[in-house]
Structures are given as C-alpha cells and as structure tokens.
Amino acid sequence: MNSIPIINEHLAQILNDFKDELLSNDLSKLKFKQRDVTKDYHYFCSTELLNELKGKRIVVQDRNPLCIDIKYTYLNELYLKLDTNLAKWDNQQGYIVAKPRTASLKEKMFQQNALASIYPPNGYMSWHTNTDAPGYNVLLTWSEKGNGFFRYQDPITKEIVTMQDKPGWNCKVGYFGKYTETDKLFWHCCGTAELRITVAWIFPTLEASLSFQNKIRQP
C-alpha cells in the first residue's frame, strides 16, 4: 500500500465541496452501532485480534464496523452528486477499457464502484480482506487533525504496517487479492479518534488504476 499526493486542484475542490456539504448536515441523525462499548478502535485494529481472526477463517468484510456508508442513508443524494462530479472530472481516461462516451454511462460506473463512508470519533472497520471485491484500490480519506490510521499486514513479510493520517485529504493505493491469491490476501483495518471520511474505488486493471493515479498527481 502506498501514499500518493493529491495535486489535481479540480479533484481537491470536488472532494472539499463534498466534505463541506456533508459536514453541514445534522450528522446526529446517523445511527452508528457499536458492537462492544467496552472496547475502542485500538482493540478492533489490534494485532492480537488479527491473529485470533486468522486462526478461525478469512474475514471477507467486517459486518459490524463503527461507520456508515452514506449511500444507504438520508444523505444518498449527496453521494450521487459526488458520483456525478467525479465522473465528469475523470472523463474515464483508462478507467474502463470501453471508455464510454456518454455522461450517464460514466456516472453509472462510478455509482457501481464508489464508496463514501463516515466514521464517528472512536470509529473503526476491523480486520478484513475484501476478497469478495478484489482489485486495484484507490482510497481517499479526510480528517481535520489526522488522528486516524489505515493498518495492514504485508501479505509476504507479514509485517504490520500503520499508515497514519495527515490533516486534510490523504490518498492511498494498493491491490486487494482474491480468495485464491493466497500470496496477495490483504488483511487491513482502520481506526480514528475523530470524525473521518473515506471515498474509495476499485479498478479492474493496474493500467486503469495507474491512469487514474496519474491524473490525481497532475495540477
């Protein structure tokens, strides 16, 4: 997993507009559910829990994260607006081999691939692998002070790596393997002490992901 700078000013504006509009809403209406109030995000992102989970099964998705995907909430229209703005910005350069020419098709692709989640203070998504959705991931996260992190276990060395957030928007890229790719199973999690926003995509090929990353790096 690697970090890349967000240099593209248009993308930065789209993300900041989304963030500002999201935060202008009454987020107390969101119903976050915590599985165990006696434990915080440090526990759900701990090496001890990872070893315990790996001893039982491969966890595809964390079914009880302390976060919410806004597309399933009253903020769905904001999510769709983000999709539309991102589709218009990207122009699908290398995103999908077919390179559709109509905005409606572009928007549909982003609706199928984008994720927009919000984490409350002490929020987390515990260890999982995303083996049901393999591909080349681009993760964009925002927090005010950078009091959160993304953590993963290197599939080869088994080293636990923690990527600390920085204030504002952060971008991370990497490959999440399929169930059959035992050398690419990507156990990962995230936790935060403050409100945190995540926007993500999964690209089908390395070429498509690199094309998207290159545009992020361009002014």
C-alpha atoms as a PDB file:
ATOM      1  CA  MET A   1       0.000   0.000   0.000  1.00  0.00           C
ATOM      2  CA  ASN A   2       1.403   3.375  -0.992  1.00  0.00           C
ATOM      3  CA  SER A   3       0.506   7.020  -0.415  1.00  0.00           C
ATOM      4  CA  ILE A   4       0.350   9.497  -3.278  1.00  0.00           C
ATOM      5  CA  PRO A   5      -0.161  13.278  -3.168  1.00  0.00           C
ATOM      6  CA  ILE A   6      -3.433  14.841  -4.307  1.00  0.00           C
ATOM      7  CA  ILE A   7      -2.158  17.565  -6.614  1.00  0.00           C
ATOM      8  CA  ASN A   8      -5.093  17.931  -9.001  1.00  0.00           C
ATOM      9  CA  GLU A   9      -6.869  21.132  -7.961  1.00  0.00           C
ATOM     10  CA  HIS A  10     -10.181  20.215  -9.589  1.00  0.00           C
ATOM     11  CA  LEU A  11     -10.337  16.901  -7.737  1.00  0.00           C
ATOM     12  CA  ALA A  12      -9.389  18.628  -4.487  1.00  0.00           C
ATOM     13  CA  GLN A  13     -12.238  21.098  -4.995  1.00  0.00           C
ATOM     14  CA  ILE A  14     -14.758  18.303  -5.661  1.00  0.00           C
ATOM     15  CA  LEU A  15     -13.658  16.459  -2.529  1.00  0.00           C
ATOM     16  CA  ASN A  16     -13.701  19.581  -0.362  1.00  0.00           C
ATOM     17  CA  ASP A  17     -17.140  20.598  -1.629  1.00  0.00           C
ATOM     18  CA  PHE A  18     -18.392  17.102  -0.808  1.00  0.00           C
ATOM     19  CA  LYS A  19     -16.789  17.218   2.636  1.00  0.00           C
ATOM     20  CA  ASP A  20     -18.145  20.690   3.433  1.00  0.00           C
ATOM     21  CA  GLU A  21     -21.679  19.804   2.367  1.00  0.00           C
ATOM     22  CA  LEU A  22     -21.541  16.531   4.284  1.00  0.00           C
ATOM     23  CA  LEU A  23     -20.389  18.241   7.470  1.00  0.00           C
ATOM     24  CA  SER A  24     -23.053  20.932   7.131  1.00  0.00           C
ATOM     25  CA  ASN A  25     -25.717  18.290   7.753  1.00  0.00           C
ATOM     26  CA  ASP A  26     -27.008  17.163  11.139  1.00  0.00           C
ATOM     27  CA  LEU A  27     -24.871  14.039  11.475  1.00  0.00           C
ATOM     28  CA  SER A  28     -26.550  13.163  14.770  1.00  0.00           C
ATOM     29  CA  LYS A  29     -29.300  11.629  12.614  1.00  0.00           C
ATOM     30  CA  LEU A  30     -26.891   8.890  11.556  1.00  0.00           C
ATOM     31  CA  LYS A  31     -27.353   5.737  13.627  1.00  0.00           C
ATOM     32  CA  PHE A  32     -23.908   4.376  14.384  1.00  0.00           C
ATOM     33  CA  LYS A  33     -23.908   0.984  16.096  1.00  0.00           C
ATOM     34  CA  GLN A  34     -21.006  -0.078  18.295  1.00  0.00           C
ATOM     35  CA  ARG A  35     -20.674  -3.806  18.855  1.00  0.00           C
ATOM     36  CA  ASP A  36     -18.958  -3.554  22.253  1.00  0.00           C
ATOM     37  CA  VAL A  37     -18.940  -0.273  24.148  1.00  0.00           C
ATOM     38  CA  THR A  38     -16.215  -1.570  26.481  1.00  0.00           C
ATOM     39  CA  LYS A  39     -13.657  -1.669  23.640  1.00  0.00           C
ATOM     40  CA  ASP A  40     -12.324   1.133  21.443  1.00  0.00           C
ATOM     41  CA  TYR A  41     -10.867   1.203  17.943  1.00  0.00           C
ATOM     42  CA  HIS A  42      -7.413   0.211  19.212  1.00  0.00           C
ATOM     43  CA  TYR A  43      -8.782  -3.208  20.157  1.00  0.00           C
ATOM     44  CA  PHE A  44     -10.581  -3.775  16.845  1.00  0.00           C
ATOM     45  CA  CYS A  45      -7.376  -2.872  14.974  1.00  0.00           C
ATOM     46  CA  SER A  46      -5.001  -4.810  17.234  1.00  0.00           C
ATOM     47  CA  THR A  47      -2.524  -7.484  16.185  1.00  0.00           C
ATOM     48  CA  GLU A  48      -3.996  -9.746  18.861  1.00  0.00           C
ATOM     49  CA  LEU A  49      -7.437  -9.622  17.256  1.00  0.00           C
ATOM     50  CA  LEU A  50      -5.932 -10.152  13.788  1.00  0.00           C
ATOM     51  CA  ASN A  51      -4.185 -13.321  14.940  1.00  0.00           C
ATOM     52  CA  GLU A  52      -7.379 -14.516  16.574  1.00  0.00           C
ATOM     53  CA  LEU A  53      -9.416 -13.942  13.415  1.00  0.00           C
ATOM     54  CA  LYS A  54      -6.843 -15.543  11.135  1.00  0.00           C
ATOM     55  CA  GLY A  55      -6.918 -18.627  13.333  1.00  0.00           C
ATOM     56  CA  LYS A  56     -10.612 -19.076  12.565  1.00  0.00           C
ATOM     57  CA  ARG A  57     -11.319 -18.031   8.973  1.00  0.00           C
ATOM     58  CA  ILE A  58     -10.693 -15.468   6.272  1.00  0.00           C
ATOM     59  CA  VAL A  59     -12.828 -12.449   7.096  1.00  0.00           C
ATOM     60  CA  VAL A  60     -14.160 -11.056   3.822  1.00  0.00           C
ATOM     61  CA  GLN A  61     -15.889  -7.978   5.243  1.00  0.00           C
ATOM     62  CA  ASP A  62     -16.267  -6.516   8.707  1.00  0.00           C
ATOM     63  CA  ARG A  63     -20.012  -6.899   9.201  1.00  0.00           C
ATOM     64  CA  ASN A  64     -20.172  -4.638  12.249  1.00  0.00           C
ATOM     65  CA  PRO A  65     -17.960  -1.621  11.619  1.00  0.00           C
ATOM     66  CA  LEU A  66     -18.436   1.609  13.521  1.00  0.00           C
ATOM     67  CA  CYS A  67     -19.015   3.649  10.360  1.00  0.00           C
ATOM     68  CA  ILE A  68     -21.796   4.233   7.835  1.00  0.00           C
ATOM     69  CA  ASP A  69     -21.845   4.212   4.024  1.00  0.00           C
ATOM     70  CA  ILE A  70     -23.869   7.348   3.323  1.00  0.00           C
ATOM     71  CA  LYS A  71     -25.495   5.943   0.180  1.00  0.00           C
ATOM     72  CA  TYR A  72     -27.768   3.932   2.494  1.00  0.00           C
ATOM     73  CA  THR A  73     -28.819   6.987   4.479  1.00  0.00           C
ATOM     74  CA  TYR A  74     -30.747  10.235   4.067  1.00  0.00           C
ATOM     75  CA  LEU A  75     -27.509  11.609   2.575  1.00  0.00           C
ATOM     76  CA  ASN A  76     -27.862   9.455  -0.543  1.00  0.00           C
ATOM     77  CA  GLU A  77     -28.402  12.495  -2.794  1.00  0.00           C
ATOM     78  CA  LEU A  78     -25.056  13.879  -1.689  1.00  0.00           C
ATOM     79  CA  TYR A  79     -23.450  10.549  -2.547  1.00  0.00           C
ATOM     80  CA  LEU A  80     -24.998  10.619  -6.047  1.00  0.00           C
ATOM     81  CA  LYS A  81     -23.829  14.198  -6.529  1.00  0.00           C
ATOM     82  CA  LEU A  82     -20.289  13.111  -5.717  1.00  0.00           C
ATOM     83  CA  ASP A  83     -20.569  10.292  -8.288  1.00  0.00           C
ATOM     84  CA  THR A  84     -21.694  12.713 -10.972  1.00  0.00           C
ATOM     85  CA  ASN A  85     -18.968  15.250 -10.265  1.00  0.00           C
ATOM     86  CA  LEU A  86     -16.250  12.581 -10.205  1.00  0.00           C
ATOM     87  CA  ALA A  87     -17.448  11.059 -13.477  1.00  0.00           C
ATOM     88  CA  LYS A  88     -17.385  14.437 -15.198  1.00  0.00           C
ATOM     89  CA  TRP A  89     -13.918  15.154 -13.789  1.00  0.00           C
ATOM     90  CA  ASP A  90     -12.311  11.864 -14.736  1.00  0.00           C
ATOM     91  CA  ASN A  91     -13.532  11.519 -18.356  1.00  0.00           C
ATOM     92  CA  GLN A  92     -12.838   7.814 -17.850  1.00  0.00           C
ATOM     93  CA  GLN A  93      -9.228   8.030 -19.060  1.00  0.00           C
ATOM     94  CA  GLY A  94      -8.106   4.441 -18.768  1.00  0.00           C
ATOM     95  CA  TYR A  95     -10.777   3.718 -16.165  1.00  0.00           C
ATOM     96  CA  ILE A  96     -12.701   1.162 -18.197  1.00  0.00           C
ATOM     97  CA  VAL A  97     -11.361  -0.296 -21.441  1.00  0.00           C
ATOM     98  CA  ALA A  98     -14.599   0.540 -23.277  1.00  0.00           C
ATOM     99  CA  LYS A  99     -14.225   4.266 -22.446  1.00  0.00           C
ATOM    100  CA  PRO A 100     -17.954   5.136 -22.664  1.00  0.00           C
ATOM    101  CA  ARG A 101     -18.773   8.440 -24.333  1.00  0.00           C
ATOM    102  CA  THR A 102     -21.981   9.380 -22.540  1.00  0.00           C
ATOM    103  CA  ALA A 103     -22.149  11.009 -19.117  1.00  0.00           C
ATOM    104  CA  SER A 104     -24.915   8.653 -17.992  1.00  0.00           C
ATOM    105  CA  LEU A 105     -22.721   5.601 -18.552  1.00  0.00           C
ATOM    106  CA  LYS A 106     -19.794   7.250 -16.811  1.00  0.00           C
ATOM    107  CA  GLU A 107     -21.954   8.144 -13.830  1.00  0.00           C
ATOM    108  CA  LYS A 108     -23.300   4.607 -13.669  1.00  0.00           C
ATOM    109  CA  MET A 109     -19.770   3.229 -13.481  1.00  0.00           C
ATOM    110  CA  PHE A 110     -18.908   5.492 -10.581  1.00  0.00           C
ATOM    111  CA  GLN A 111     -22.137   4.538  -8.821  1.00  0.00           C
ATOM    112  CA  GLN A 112     -21.103   0.900  -9.095  1.00  0.00           C
ATOM    113  CA  ASN A 113     -17.574   1.462  -7.831  1.00  0.00           C
ATOM    114  CA  ALA A 114     -17.538   4.408  -5.443  1.00  0.00           C
ATOM    115  CA  LEU A 115     -17.788   4.152  -1.665  1.00  0.00           C
ATOM    116  CA  ALA A 116     -18.390   7.080   0.655  1.00  0.00           C
ATOM    117  CA  SER A 117     -18.309   6.343   4.374  1.00  0.00           C
ATOM    118  CA  ILE A 118     -18.198   8.428   7.520  1.00  0.00           C
ATOM    119  CA  TYR A 119     -16.608   7.321  10.798  1.00  0.00           C
ATOM    120  CA  PRO A 120     -17.531   8.947  14.121  1.00  0.00           C
ATOM    121  CA  PRO A 121     -14.900   9.618  16.804  1.00  0.00           C
ATOM    122  CA  ASN A 122     -13.663   6.198  18.006  1.00  0.00           C
ATOM    123  CA  GLY A 123     -14.906   4.731  14.707  1.00  0.00           C
ATOM    124  CA  TYR A 124     -13.303   1.726  13.054  1.00  0.00           C
ATOM    125  CA  MET A 125     -13.526  -1.022  10.488  1.00  0.00           C
ATOM    126  CA  SER A 126     -11.926  -4.110  11.966  1.00  0.00           C
ATOM    127  CA  TRP A 127      -9.645  -6.592  10.202  1.00  0.00           C
ATOM    128  CA  HIS A 128     -10.923  -7.977   6.882  1.00  0.00           C
ATOM    129  CA  THR A 129      -9.619  -8.844   3.384  1.00  0.00           C
ATOM    130  CA  ASN A 130     -12.127  -7.675   0.724  1.00  0.00           C
ATOM    131  CA  THR A 131     -11.672 -10.984  -1.100  1.00  0.00           C
ATOM    132  CA  ASP A 132     -15.223 -10.598  -2.444  1.00  0.00           C
ATOM    133  CA  ALA A 133     -14.175  -7.382  -4.230  1.00  0.00           C
ATOM    134  CA  PRO A 134     -10.587  -7.853  -5.435  1.00  0.00           C
ATOM    135  CA  GLY A 135      -8.852  -5.221  -7.499  1.00  0.00           C
ATOM    136  CA  TYR A 136      -6.691  -2.135  -7.533  1.00  0.00           C
ATOM    137  CA  ASN A 137      -7.934   0.216  -4.845  1.00  0.00           C
ATOM    138  CA  VAL A 138      -7.744   3.978  -4.543  1.00  0.00           C
ATOM    139  CA  LEU A 139      -8.687   5.199  -1.050  1.00  0.00           C
ATOM    140  CA  LEU A 140      -9.233   8.874  -0.244  1.00  0.00           C
ATOM    141  CA  THR A 141      -9.673   9.831   3.404  1.00  0.00           C
ATOM    142  CA  TRP A 142     -10.245  13.097   5.224  1.00  0.00           C
ATOM    143  CA  SER A 143      -9.991  14.144   8.860  1.00  0.00           C
ATOM    144  CA  GLU A 144      -9.423  17.533  10.414  1.00  0.00           C
ATOM    145  CA  LYS A 145      -6.356  16.741  12.528  1.00  0.00           C
ATOM    146  CA  GLY A 146      -5.109  13.410  11.166  1.00  0.00           C
ATOM    147  CA  ASN A 147      -5.976  11.438  14.291  1.00  0.00           C
ATOM    148  CA  GLY A 148      -6.707   8.217  12.438  1.00  0.00           C
ATOM    149  CA  PHE A 149      -4.888   5.477  10.554  1.00  0.00           C
ATOM    150  CA  PHE A 150      -5.013   2.697   7.968  1.00  0.00           C
ATOM    151  CA  ARG A 151      -3.321  -0.530   9.074  1.00  0.00           C
ATOM    152  CA  TYR A 152      -2.488  -3.668   7.113  1.00  0.00           C
ATOM    153  CA  GLN A 153      -0.465  -6.842   7.219  1.00  0.00           C
ATOM    154  CA  ASP A 154       2.007  -7.208   4.376  1.00  0.00           C
ATOM    155  CA  PRO A 155       0.926 -10.382   2.524  1.00  0.00           C
ATOM    156  CA  ILE A 156       4.541 -11.522   2.030  1.00  0.00           C
ATOM    157  CA  THR A 157       6.545 -10.380   5.053  1.00  0.00           C
ATOM    158  CA  LYS A 158       3.569 -10.465   7.482  1.00  0.00           C
ATOM    159  CA  GLU A 159       4.777  -7.150   8.894  1.00  0.00           C
ATOM    160  CA  ILE A 160       2.065  -4.966  10.454  1.00  0.00           C
ATOM    161  CA  VAL A 161       2.187  -1.526   8.807  1.00  0.00           C
ATOM    162  CA  THR A 162       0.328   1.526  10.140  1.00  0.00           C
ATOM    163  CA  MET A 163      -0.204   4.469   7.783  1.00  0.00           C
ATOM    164  CA  GLN A 164      -1.011   7.473   9.942  1.00  0.00           C
ATOM    165  CA  ASP A 165      -3.478  10.004   8.557  1.00  0.00           C
ATOM    166  CA  LYS A 166      -2.385  13.576   7.918  1.00  0.00           C
ATOM    167  CA  PRO A 167      -4.742  16.554   8.364  1.00  0.00           C
ATOM    168  CA  GLY A 168      -6.976  17.021   5.326  1.00  0.00           C
ATOM    169  CA  TRP A 169      -7.281  14.615   2.392  1.00  0.00           C
ATOM    170  CA  ASN A 170      -4.999  11.582   2.039  1.00  0.00           C
ATOM    171  CA  CYS A 171      -4.710   9.135  -0.871  1.00  0.00           C
ATOM    172  CA  LYS A 172      -3.605   5.500  -0.653  1.00  0.00           C
ATOM    173  CA  VAL A 173      -3.357   2.934  -3.453  1.00  0.00           C
ATOM    174  CA  GLY A 174      -2.854  -0.824  -3.445  1.00  0.00           C
ATOM    175  CA  TYR A 175      -4.055  -4.237  -4.597  1.00  0.00           C
ATOM    176  CA  PHE A 176      -6.509  -6.375  -2.622  1.00  0.00           C
ATOM    177  CA  GLY A 177      -6.266 -10.011  -3.705  1.00  0.00           C
ATOM    178  CA  LYS A 178      -8.834 -12.701  -4.404  1.00  0.00           C
ATOM    179  CA  TYR A 179      -9.504 -15.612  -2.056  1.00  0.00           C
ATOM    180  CA  THR A 180      -7.433 -17.879  -4.321  1.00  0.00           C
ATOM    181  CA  GLU A 181      -4.476 -15.459  -4.338  1.00  0.00           C
ATOM    182  CA  THR A 182      -3.034 -16.629  -1.053  1.00  0.00           C
ATOM    183  CA  ASP A 183       0.118 -14.551  -1.551  1.00  0.00           C
ATOM    184  CA  LYS A 184      -1.980 -11.398  -2.022  1.00  0.00           C
ATOM    185  CA  LEU A 185      -4.558 -11.711   0.772  1.00  0.00           C
ATOM    186  CA  PHE A 186      -4.631  -8.186   2.128  1.00  0.00           C
ATOM    187  CA  TRP A 187      -5.705  -8.082   5.779  1.00  0.00           C
ATOM    188  CA  HIS A 188      -6.415  -4.478   6.711  1.00  0.00           C
ATOM    189  CA  CYS A 189      -8.375  -2.245   9.073  1.00  0.00           C
ATOM    190  CA  CYS A 190      -8.697   1.409  10.078  1.00  0.00           C
ATOM    191  CA  GLY A 191      -9.493   3.393  13.189  1.00  0.00           C
ATOM    192  CA  THR A 192      -9.893   7.006  14.186  1.00  0.00           C
ATOM    193  CA  ALA A 193     -10.093   9.204  17.260  1.00  0.00           C
ATOM    194  CA  GLU A 194     -12.015  11.862  15.331  1.00  0.00           C
ATOM    195  CA  LEU A 195     -14.591  12.124  12.573  1.00  0.00           C
ATOM    196  CA  ARG A 196     -13.169  10.595   9.381  1.00  0.00           C
ATOM    197  CA  ILE A 197     -14.469  10.395   5.785  1.00  0.00           C
ATOM    198  CA  THR A 198     -13.481   7.752   3.227  1.00  0.00           C
ATOM    199  CA  VAL A 199     -14.142   7.714  -0.526  1.00  0.00           C
ATOM    200  CA  ALA A 200     -12.929   4.674  -2.496  1.00  0.00           C
ATOM    201  CA  TRP A 201     -12.828   2.996  -5.879  1.00  0.00           C
ATOM    202  CA  ILE A 202     -11.836  -0.455  -7.140  1.00  0.00           C
ATOM    203  CA  PHE A 203     -10.252  -0.601 -10.594  1.00  0.00           C
ATOM    204  CA  PRO A 204     -10.224  -3.832 -12.638  1.00  0.00           C
ATOM    205  CA  THR A 205      -6.689  -3.467 -14.021  1.00  0.00           C
ATOM    206  CA  LEU A 206      -3.380  -1.982 -12.951  1.00  0.00           C
ATOM    207  CA  GLU A 207      -3.348   0.155 -16.095  1.00  0.00           C
ATOM    208  CA  ALA A 208      -6.695   1.712 -15.215  1.00  0.00           C
ATOM    209  CA  SER A 209      -5.587   2.425 -11.662  1.00  0.00           C
ATOM    210  CA  LEU A 210      -2.292   3.978 -12.786  1.00  0.00           C
ATOM    211  CA  SER A 211      -4.109   6.201 -15.264  1.00  0.00           C
ATOM    212  CA  PHE A 212      -6.392   7.444 -12.507  1.00  0.00           C
ATOM    213  CA  GLN A 213      -3.444   7.950 -10.142  1.00  0.00           C
ATOM    214  CA  ASN A 214      -1.561   9.946 -12.764  1.00  0.00           C
ATOM    215  CA  LYS A 215      -4.460  12.311 -13.116  1.00  0.00           C
ATOM    216  CA  ILE A 216      -4.582  12.789  -9.330  1.00  0.00           C
ATOM    217  CA  ARG A 217      -0.924  13.847  -9.494  1.00  0.00           C
ATOM    218  CA  GLN A 218      -1.490  16.417 -12.243  1.00  0.00           C
ATOM    219  CA  PRO A 219      -2.265  20.094 -11.321  1.00  0.00           C
END
